[in-house]
Amino acid sequence: MATSVVVDAVRRSARAAPQGARTRYRIGLGLLLASNGAMHERMQGMARSGVTFAACENTMKRMKVTKEQLMPFATTVDSGVAEVVRKQEAGWSYIRSGS
């Protein structure tokens, strides 16, 4: 249930983003695993429409997850925190929702 709520929120945000805006979302690594078949189609559709799903390689190492275990449309970044900083330095805004 919670996974579906997160994916729905990502989809709504992506639709509301201004033309040409790029959006990234911090979601649990488990959501990006190829073994998560329940969300694959929905997330793949969002990826086709421009949503980027990136997994943190630090988290992947800690959880012993390989790139091959991710959904094929998922990308990786060396560090999720460092990626947020790089995006902010490039002019992106960071909006946190929820607790």
Protein backbone atom coordinates (compact mmCIF):
# COMPACT_ATOMS: atom_id res chain seq x y z
CA MET A 1 0.00 0.00 0.00
CA ALA A 2 2.68 2.54 0.99
CA THR A 3 4.69 1.80 -2.16
CA SER A 4 1.69 2.55 -4.34
CA VAL A 5 1.12 5.84 -2.51
CA VAL A 6 4.74 6.89 -3.13
CA VAL A 7 4.57 6.01 -6.83
CA ASP A 8 1.28 7.89 -7.21
CA ALA A 9 2.81 10.97 -5.54
CA VAL A 10 5.81 10.83 -7.89
CA ARG A 11 3.51 10.58 -10.91
CA ARG A 12 1.39 13.56 -9.78
CA SER A 13 4.48 15.68 -9.12
CA ALA A 14 5.99 14.81 -12.49
CA ARG A 15 2.78 15.83 -14.26
CA ALA A 16 2.67 19.15 -12.38
CA ALA A 17 6.33 20.02 -13.07
CA PRO A 18 6.89 22.89 -15.50
CA GLN A 19 7.75 22.02 -19.11
CA GLY A 20 11.39 21.01 -19.34
CA ALA A 21 11.80 20.57 -15.58
CA ARG A 22 13.63 17.50 -14.41
CA THR A 23 12.52 15.79 -11.27
CA ARG A 24 14.23 13.22 -9.08
CA TYR A 25 12.77 11.48 -6.11
CA ARG A 26 14.28 9.88 -3.06
CA ILE A 27 12.48 6.61 -2.62
CA GLY A 28 13.48 3.39 -0.98
CA LEU A 29 16.03 1.27 -2.80
CA GLY A 30 13.66 -1.70 -2.57
CA LEU A 31 11.29 0.07 -4.93
CA LEU A 32 13.96 0.02 -7.67
CA LEU A 33 14.74 -3.68 -7.42
CA ALA A 34 13.84 -5.70 -10.50
CA SER A 35 12.23 -8.22 -8.15
CA ASN A 36 9.58 -5.58 -7.29
CA GLY A 37 7.29 -6.60 -10.13
CA ALA A 38 4.24 -4.88 -8.63
CA MET A 39 5.48 -1.41 -9.50
CA HIS A 40 7.60 -2.14 -12.59
CA GLU A 41 5.09 -1.14 -15.28
CA ARG A 42 3.99 2.05 -13.55
CA MET A 43 7.54 3.18 -12.84
CA GLN A 44 8.70 2.28 -16.34
CA GLY A 45 5.92 4.45 -17.77
CA MET A 46 7.05 7.37 -15.60
CA ALA A 47 10.66 6.80 -16.67
CA ARG A 48 9.55 6.98 -20.31
CA SER A 49 7.89 10.33 -19.59
CA GLY A 50 11.08 11.80 -18.13
CA VAL A 51 11.17 10.82 -14.46
CA THR A 52 14.65 9.71 -13.38
CA PHE A 53 14.92 6.99 -10.75
CA ALA A 54 18.44 6.95 -9.30
CA ALA A 55 19.77 4.57 -6.66
CA CYS A 56 22.51 5.62 -4.22
CA GLU A 57 25.58 3.43 -4.74
CA ASN A 58 26.55 3.86 -1.06
CA THR A 59 23.20 2.39 -0.02
CA MET A 60 23.54 -0.32 -2.64
CA LYS A 61 26.93 -1.35 -1.18
CA ARG A 62 25.56 -1.32 2.36
CA MET A 63 22.59 -3.47 1.31
CA LYS A 64 24.70 -5.68 -1.00
CA VAL A 65 22.63 -4.77 -4.08
CA THR A 66 24.23 -4.81 -7.54
CA LYS A 67 23.31 -2.68 -10.55
CA GLU A 68 22.12 -5.85 -12.26
CA GLN A 69 19.47 -6.25 -9.55
CA LEU A 70 17.89 -2.87 -10.36
CA MET A 71 15.08 -2.25 -12.81
CA PRO A 72 16.57 -1.63 -16.27
CA PHE A 73 15.49 2.03 -16.38
CA ALA A 74 17.07 2.85 -12.99
CA THR A 75 20.31 4.81 -12.89
CA THR A 76 22.79 5.13 -10.05
CA VAL A 77 24.62 7.99 -8.38
CA ASP A 78 27.73 7.68 -6.24
CA SER A 79 26.05 9.25 -3.22
CA GLY A 80 22.45 10.35 -2.84
CA VAL A 81 23.37 13.22 -0.51
CA ALA A 82 26.17 14.41 -2.81
CA GLU A 83 23.80 14.25 -5.78
CA VAL A 84 21.31 16.52 -3.99
CA VAL A 85 24.11 19.00 -3.27
CA ARG A 86 25.29 18.92 -6.91
CA LYS A 87 21.74 19.51 -8.15
CA GLN A 88 21.23 22.42 -5.75
CA GLU A 89 24.51 23.96 -6.91
CA ALA A 90 23.22 23.61 -10.49
CA GLY A 91 20.09 25.58 -9.60
CA TRP A 92 17.67 22.81 -8.70
CA SER A 93 15.39 23.16 -5.69
CA TYR A 94 14.99 20.53 -3.01
CA ILE A 95 11.50 20.06 -1.64
CA ARG A 96 10.95 17.56 1.13
CA SER A 97 7.49 16.24 1.80
CA GLY A 98 6.27 13.99 4.57
CA SER A 99 7.96 13.37 7.89
